[in-house]
Protein backbone atom coordinates (compact mmCIF):
# COMPACT_ATOMS: atom_id res chain seq x y z
CA MET A 1 -208.49 -41.88 74.19
CA ALA A 2 -205.90 -44.29 75.57
CA GLU A 3 -206.60 -45.66 79.21
CA THR A 4 -203.97 -44.79 81.81
CA ASN A 5 -203.77 -45.14 85.66
CA THR A 6 -203.04 -48.83 85.35
CA GLU A 7 -200.92 -48.21 88.37
CA LYS A 8 -203.70 -47.55 90.64
CA THR A 9 -206.05 -49.88 92.01
CA LEU A 10 -209.74 -49.91 90.91
CA GLU A 11 -210.82 -48.50 94.36
CA GLN A 12 -208.27 -45.38 94.12
CA ILE A 13 -209.64 -44.83 90.87
CA GLN A 14 -213.09 -44.94 91.69
CA ALA A 15 -212.33 -42.36 94.94
CA GLU A 16 -210.48 -40.38 92.58
CA ASN A 17 -213.55 -40.28 90.03
CA THR A 18 -215.97 -39.12 93.07
CA ALA A 19 -213.63 -36.13 93.83
CA LEU A 20 -213.31 -35.27 90.27
CA TRP A 21 -217.00 -35.24 89.65
CA GLU A 22 -217.35 -32.58 92.24
CA GLN A 23 -214.94 -30.41 90.19
CA LEU A 24 -217.21 -30.72 86.91
CA THR A 25 -219.47 -28.03 85.73
CA LYS A 26 -223.05 -28.75 85.40
CA ARG A 27 -222.67 -28.83 81.63
CA ASN A 28 -219.81 -31.39 82.00
CA GLU A 29 -221.54 -33.52 84.13
CA GLN A 30 -224.49 -33.85 81.84
CA TYR A 31 -222.13 -34.77 79.18
CA MET A 32 -220.56 -37.52 81.34
CA MET A 33 -223.91 -38.80 82.40
CA GLY A 34 -224.96 -38.99 78.74
CA LEU A 35 -221.81 -40.74 77.93
CA ASP A 36 -222.36 -43.19 80.48
CA LYS A 37 -225.63 -44.14 79.31
CA VAL A 38 -224.51 -45.16 76.02
CA LEU A 39 -221.43 -47.20 77.49
CA VAL A 40 -223.66 -48.92 79.83
CA ALA A 41 -226.06 -49.67 77.26
CA ALA A 42 -223.19 -51.16 75.48
CA ASN A 43 -221.99 -53.36 78.07
CA TYR A 44 -218.78 -51.63 78.22
CA ASP A 45 -216.36 -53.07 80.75
CA GLU A 46 -216.56 -51.28 84.23
CA THR A 47 -213.20 -51.37 85.18
CA LYS A 48 -212.23 -49.89 81.69
CA LYS A 49 -214.73 -47.33 82.11
CA ALA A 50 -213.51 -46.11 85.49
CA LYS A 51 -209.95 -45.76 84.02
CA LEU A 52 -211.37 -43.68 80.93
CA TYR A 53 -213.48 -41.41 83.10
CA ASN A 54 -210.51 -40.89 85.29
CA LYS A 55 -208.66 -39.70 82.38
CA MET A 56 -211.53 -37.63 80.96
CA MET A 57 -212.49 -36.10 84.21
CA ASN A 58 -209.05 -35.03 84.77
CA GLU A 59 -208.74 -33.35 81.48
CA LEU A 60 -212.20 -31.78 81.87
CA ALA A 61 -211.44 -30.23 85.41
CA GLU A 62 -208.20 -28.73 84.04
CA ASN A 63 -209.68 -27.73 80.56
CA GLN A 64 -213.07 -26.06 81.89
CA LYS A 65 -210.72 -23.46 83.79
CA ALA A 66 -210.32 -21.87 80.44
CA GLY A 67 -214.14 -22.05 79.61
CA VAL A 68 -213.25 -25.57 77.22
CA THR A 69 -216.24 -27.92 77.50
CA ALA A 70 -216.50 -31.69 77.19
CA ARG A 71 -218.14 -31.32 73.62
CA GLN A 72 -215.33 -29.14 72.52
CA LEU A 73 -212.62 -31.74 73.77
CA TYR A 74 -214.53 -34.72 72.71
CA GLY A 75 -217.14 -34.07 70.27
CA THR A 76 -220.74 -34.88 70.85
CA VAL A 77 -221.73 -37.69 73.20
CA SER A 78 -222.60 -39.86 70.30
CA GLU A 79 -219.27 -39.28 68.65
CA CYS A 80 -217.29 -39.75 71.73
CA ALA A 81 -219.34 -43.07 72.65
CA GLU A 82 -218.75 -44.22 68.74
CA ASN A 83 -214.98 -43.41 69.06
CA ILE A 84 -214.53 -45.26 72.39
CA LEU A 85 -216.39 -48.55 71.23
CA GLN A 86 -214.64 -48.23 68.08
CA GLN A 87 -211.20 -48.52 69.69
CA GLN A 88 -212.63 -51.46 71.98
CA GLU A 89 -213.47 -53.45 68.59
CA GLU A 90 -210.02 -52.71 67.06
CA ASN A 91 -208.05 -53.51 70.23
CA PRO A 92 -209.89 -55.98 72.17
CA GLU A 93 -208.51 -56.97 75.59
CA ARG A 94 -208.35 -60.52 76.63
CA SER A 95 -211.79 -61.29 78.85
CA ALA A 96 -211.69 -62.35 82.38
CA ASP A 97 -210.63 -65.92 82.83
CA TRP A 98 -214.01 -66.91 84.31
CA LEU A 99 -215.72 -65.76 80.98
CA ILE A 100 -213.27 -67.47 78.80
CA ALA A 101 -213.84 -70.89 80.91
CA LEU A 102 -217.42 -70.25 80.63
CA ASP A 103 -217.46 -69.83 76.94
CA GLY A 104 -215.27 -72.71 76.47
CA GLY A 105 -217.34 -75.26 78.63
CA LEU A 106 -220.65 -74.32 77.15
CA LEU A 107 -218.76 -75.06 73.85
CA LEU A 108 -217.39 -78.51 74.93
CA GLY A 109 -220.37 -79.61 77.06
CA SER A 110 -222.80 -78.77 74.50
CA ILE A 111 -220.87 -80.60 71.84
CA PHE A 112 -220.74 -84.03 73.68
CA ALA A 113 -224.42 -83.38 74.93
CA LEU A 114 -225.17 -83.18 71.11
CA ILE A 115 -223.21 -86.42 70.39
CA SER A 116 -224.99 -88.19 73.32
CA GLY A 117 -228.19 -87.20 71.81
CA ILE A 118 -227.52 -88.19 68.27
CA THR A 119 -225.99 -91.57 69.41
CA LEU A 120 -228.98 -92.61 71.15
CA PHE A 121 -231.42 -91.70 68.52
CA THR A 122 -229.28 -93.61 65.76
CA SER A 123 -228.45 -96.83 67.96
CA LYS A 124 -230.00 -99.79 67.26
CA GLU A 125 -229.24 -101.10 70.73
CA GLN A 126 -232.42 -100.60 73.19
CA THR A 127 -229.64 -100.78 75.76
CA GLU A 128 -227.61 -97.91 74.89
CA THR A 129 -227.47 -95.22 77.65
CA GLY A 130 -226.07 -91.83 77.34
CA MET A 131 -223.60 -89.93 79.56
CA GLY A 132 -224.82 -89.51 83.05
CA ILE A 133 -225.85 -86.21 84.16
CA ILE A 134 -223.02 -86.08 86.46
CA SER A 135 -220.60 -87.00 83.87
CA LEU A 136 -222.08 -84.33 81.57
CA LEU A 137 -221.60 -81.56 84.26
CA VAL A 138 -218.09 -82.50 84.78
CA ASN A 139 -217.88 -82.38 81.16
CA PHE A 140 -219.09 -78.54 81.14
CA ILE A 141 -216.81 -77.45 84.02
CA VAL A 142 -213.56 -79.20 83.19
CA GLY A 143 -213.97 -78.69 79.56
CA GLY A 144 -213.91 -74.80 80.47
CA LEU A 145 -211.00 -75.32 82.44
CA ALA A 146 -208.92 -76.91 79.81
CA MET A 147 -210.05 -74.42 77.06
CA LEU A 148 -208.80 -71.67 79.58
CA ILE A 149 -205.43 -73.20 79.99
CA ILE A 150 -205.22 -73.82 76.37
CA SER A 151 -205.90 -70.05 75.78
CA LYS A 152 -203.31 -68.97 78.18
CA TYR A 153 -200.41 -70.48 76.07
CA THR A 154 -201.62 -69.71 72.57
CA PRO A 155 -198.63 -69.36 70.65
CA ASN A 156 -197.58 -65.87 68.94
CA PRO A 157 -196.52 -66.31 65.22
CA ASP A 158 -195.35 -62.81 65.26
CA ALA A 159 -192.86 -62.95 68.08
CA PRO A 160 -189.21 -63.40 67.50
CA LYS A 161 -188.41 -67.02 66.71
CA GLY A 162 -187.51 -69.20 69.90
CA LYS A 163 -189.81 -66.98 71.73
CA ARG A 164 -193.34 -67.87 69.89
CA GLY A 165 -194.31 -70.45 72.60
CA TYR A 166 -195.45 -73.35 70.55
CA GLY A 167 -193.50 -75.72 73.06
CA LYS A 168 -195.61 -74.36 76.22
CA TYR A 169 -198.64 -74.63 73.89
CA ILE A 170 -198.09 -78.32 73.10
CA ALA A 171 -197.40 -78.95 76.65
CA ALA A 172 -200.40 -76.86 78.16
CA THR A 173 -202.53 -78.59 75.42
CA THR A 174 -201.56 -82.11 76.34
CA GLY A 175 -201.97 -81.57 80.12
CA ALA A 176 -205.51 -79.84 79.54
CA MET A 177 -206.72 -82.80 77.42
CA LEU A 178 -205.21 -85.31 79.89
CA LEU A 179 -207.10 -83.70 82.73
CA TRP A 180 -210.11 -83.28 81.03
CA MET A 181 -210.15 -87.35 80.09
CA LEU A 182 -208.74 -88.21 83.61
CA ALA A 183 -212.10 -86.22 85.25
CA MET A 184 -214.42 -87.75 82.23
CA THR A 185 -212.88 -91.20 83.17
CA VAL A 186 -213.19 -90.82 86.88
CA SER A 187 -216.81 -89.67 86.58
CA THR A 188 -217.86 -92.93 85.03
CA PHE A 189 -217.40 -94.81 87.91
CA ILE A 190 -220.08 -92.94 89.89
CA PRO A 191 -222.98 -94.96 90.57
CA THR A 192 -225.54 -94.77 87.80
CA THR A 193 -228.29 -94.19 90.75
CA ILE A 194 -226.43 -90.73 91.27
CA ASN A 195 -224.96 -90.40 87.45
CA ILE A 196 -228.44 -90.77 85.92
CA ALA A 197 -228.47 -91.21 82.18
CA LEU A 198 -231.20 -89.10 80.23
CA PRO A 199 -233.31 -89.64 77.38
CA ALA A 200 -232.04 -88.63 73.89
CA VAL A 201 -234.14 -85.64 73.57
CA ALA A 202 -233.17 -84.38 76.87
CA TYR A 203 -229.27 -84.22 75.49
CA LEU A 204 -230.34 -82.50 72.32
CA VAL A 205 -232.23 -79.86 74.50
CA ILE A 206 -229.23 -79.42 76.86
CA ALA A 207 -227.03 -79.17 73.60
CA ALA A 208 -229.09 -76.38 71.88
CA ALA A 209 -229.59 -74.47 75.28
CA GLY A 210 -225.74 -74.62 75.63
CA PHE A 211 -224.94 -73.38 72.14
CA GLY A 212 -227.49 -70.72 72.55
CA ALA A 213 -225.91 -69.65 75.86
CA LYS A 214 -222.60 -69.44 74.52
CA ILE A 215 -223.60 -67.27 71.58
CA TYR A 216 -225.49 -65.01 73.78
CA LEU A 217 -222.85 -64.49 76.43
CA LYS A 218 -220.31 -64.03 73.82
CA LYS A 219 -222.03 -61.40 72.31
CA ARG A 220 -223.29 -59.79 75.25
CA TYR A 221 -219.98 -59.73 77.27
CA ARG A 222 -217.69 -59.57 74.31
CA ILE A 223 -215.70 -62.45 75.11
CA THR A 224 -212.26 -62.45 73.66
CA GLY A 225 -209.21 -64.59 74.25
CA GLY A 226 -210.55 -67.86 74.06
CA ILE A 227 -209.69 -70.74 71.45
CA PHE A 228 -213.00 -70.52 69.42
């Protein structure tokens, strides 16, 4: 069930789907409604779903003229959904940029929150302070942007020699890390009255929450295309 209609806008596809829905028999409508419930429960991407339904309903509208039902074309609802979801697992598409940035930001930000917490707990110096709250927030945001930039230039070892992109990857990685280091350095100049340091346990709680959010969101939205 390969997806087509990539030349059409999402709005055009959705409008066409509305018209196609009116052409379906009651039996085929019930089939598509049952399939939709399964895909919604599986968090199937809405854009991909619109394209998939467009293809299916075009096929159904044509075949039902000869008395062929959705079940005859695609099997049971469960079988059809399983096939669609299996194809998604085998051929995952790159997630939206904001999801990749969020995933990377949660990882880097949580790592540094954890480091701050552990450092404060193990430090023998009573005057030792952790990363300020604004600096920590900057770390989450800029860290996510850095991970997004790097992910866009991941080299392809299977490409022909000279087109694998190692040079661009090194340049992107260097630039992203410099951007991140610059942002973190600038944030240290923010007055401590605003950039307030937190107690050790607070950093550990933030780290745990960040790691937990990363795991949950990665699973819920099936985030792919990032570095980690």
